[in-house]
Protein backbone atom coordinates (compact mmCIF):
# COMPACT_ATOMS: atom_id res chain seq x y z
CA MET A 1 105.49 96.02 139.44
CA ASN A 2 103.76 99.29 139.30
CA THR A 3 100.85 99.90 136.88
CA LEU A 4 102.44 103.21 135.87
CA PHE A 5 105.54 101.35 134.79
CA TYR A 6 103.53 99.16 132.42
CA VAL A 7 101.69 102.17 131.00
CA VAL A 8 104.98 103.99 130.36
CA CYS A 9 106.41 100.88 128.65
CA ILE A 10 103.38 100.48 126.42
CA VAL A 11 103.45 104.15 125.43
CA ALA A 12 107.16 103.98 124.73
CA ILE A 13 106.75 100.97 122.50
CA VAL A 14 103.82 102.59 120.62
CA PHE A 15 105.84 105.79 120.03
CA THR A 16 108.86 103.82 118.90
CA ALA A 17 106.88 101.71 116.52
CA ASP A 18 105.18 104.83 115.09
CA THR A 19 108.51 106.61 114.59
CA ILE A 20 110.04 103.59 112.82
CA GLN A 21 106.89 103.30 110.61
CA LYS A 22 107.05 107.01 109.64
CA TYR A 23 110.77 106.69 108.94
CA LEU A 24 110.27 103.70 106.56
CA LYS A 25 107.45 105.55 104.74
CA VAL A 26 109.65 108.64 104.17
CA LYS A 27 112.48 106.47 103.05
CA ASP A 28 110.33 104.68 100.49
CA ARG A 29 108.85 107.95 99.27
CA LYS A 30 112.28 109.43 98.59
CA LYS A 31 113.24 106.39 96.51
CA GLU A 32 110.03 106.65 94.37
CA GLU A 33 110.10 110.35 93.94
CA ASP A 34 113.73 110.90 92.97
CA PRO A 35 114.01 110.97 89.24
CA GLU A 36 117.70 111.57 89.40
CA LEU A 37 118.11 108.34 91.35
CA GLU A 38 116.08 106.38 88.77
CA GLU A 39 118.20 107.96 85.90
CA THR A 40 121.36 107.07 87.71
CA LEU A 41 120.21 103.48 88.34
CA ALA A 42 119.26 103.13 84.63
CA GLN A 43 122.67 104.40 83.55
CA ILE A 44 124.42 101.99 85.90
CA GLU A 45 122.46 99.17 84.45
CA ARG A 46 123.43 100.16 80.90
CA LEU A 47 127.07 100.46 81.89
CA GLU A 48 126.98 96.99 83.52
CA GLU A 49 125.49 95.51 80.35
CA ARG A 50 128.27 97.11 78.31
CA ILE A 51 130.89 95.74 80.68
CA ARG A 52 129.35 92.21 80.36
CA VAL A 53 129.56 92.53 76.61
CA LEU A 54 133.18 93.65 76.70
CA GLU A 55 134.07 90.84 79.08
CA ARG A 56 132.44 88.32 76.80
CA ILE A 57 134.30 89.68 73.77
CA VAL A 58 137.63 89.65 75.59
CA THR A 59 137.25 86.19 76.98
CA GLU A 60 135.77 84.57 73.82
CA ASN A 61 138.18 86.01 71.35
CA LYS A 62 141.32 85.74 73.48
CA PHE A 63 142.05 82.22 72.31
CA ASP A 64 141.20 83.01 68.70
CA LEU A 65 143.38 86.15 68.85
CA GLY A 66 146.37 84.05 70.02
CA ARG A 67 145.81 81.57 67.23
CA GLU A 68 145.60 84.39 64.63
CA ILE A 69 148.88 85.85 65.94
CA ASP A 70 150.54 82.41 65.67
CA LYS A 71 149.33 82.15 62.07
CA LEU A 72 151.02 85.42 61.26
CA LYS A 73 154.40 84.15 62.52
């Protein structure tokens, strides 16, 4: 093939790789610099922990609750 074709392909690959690299850097920088995102993620983690606790309470005490209701009858 033509030498010019190879040069064009190499330049296209270099520009594509550079563009992808810049995109990934900007994406990472947005994650690190966004305090609202960090606050939201922390809040989600707290809510997930509360849900885990509530699920544990409901599932552990369900059998005991049924037994207590039977005792009242």
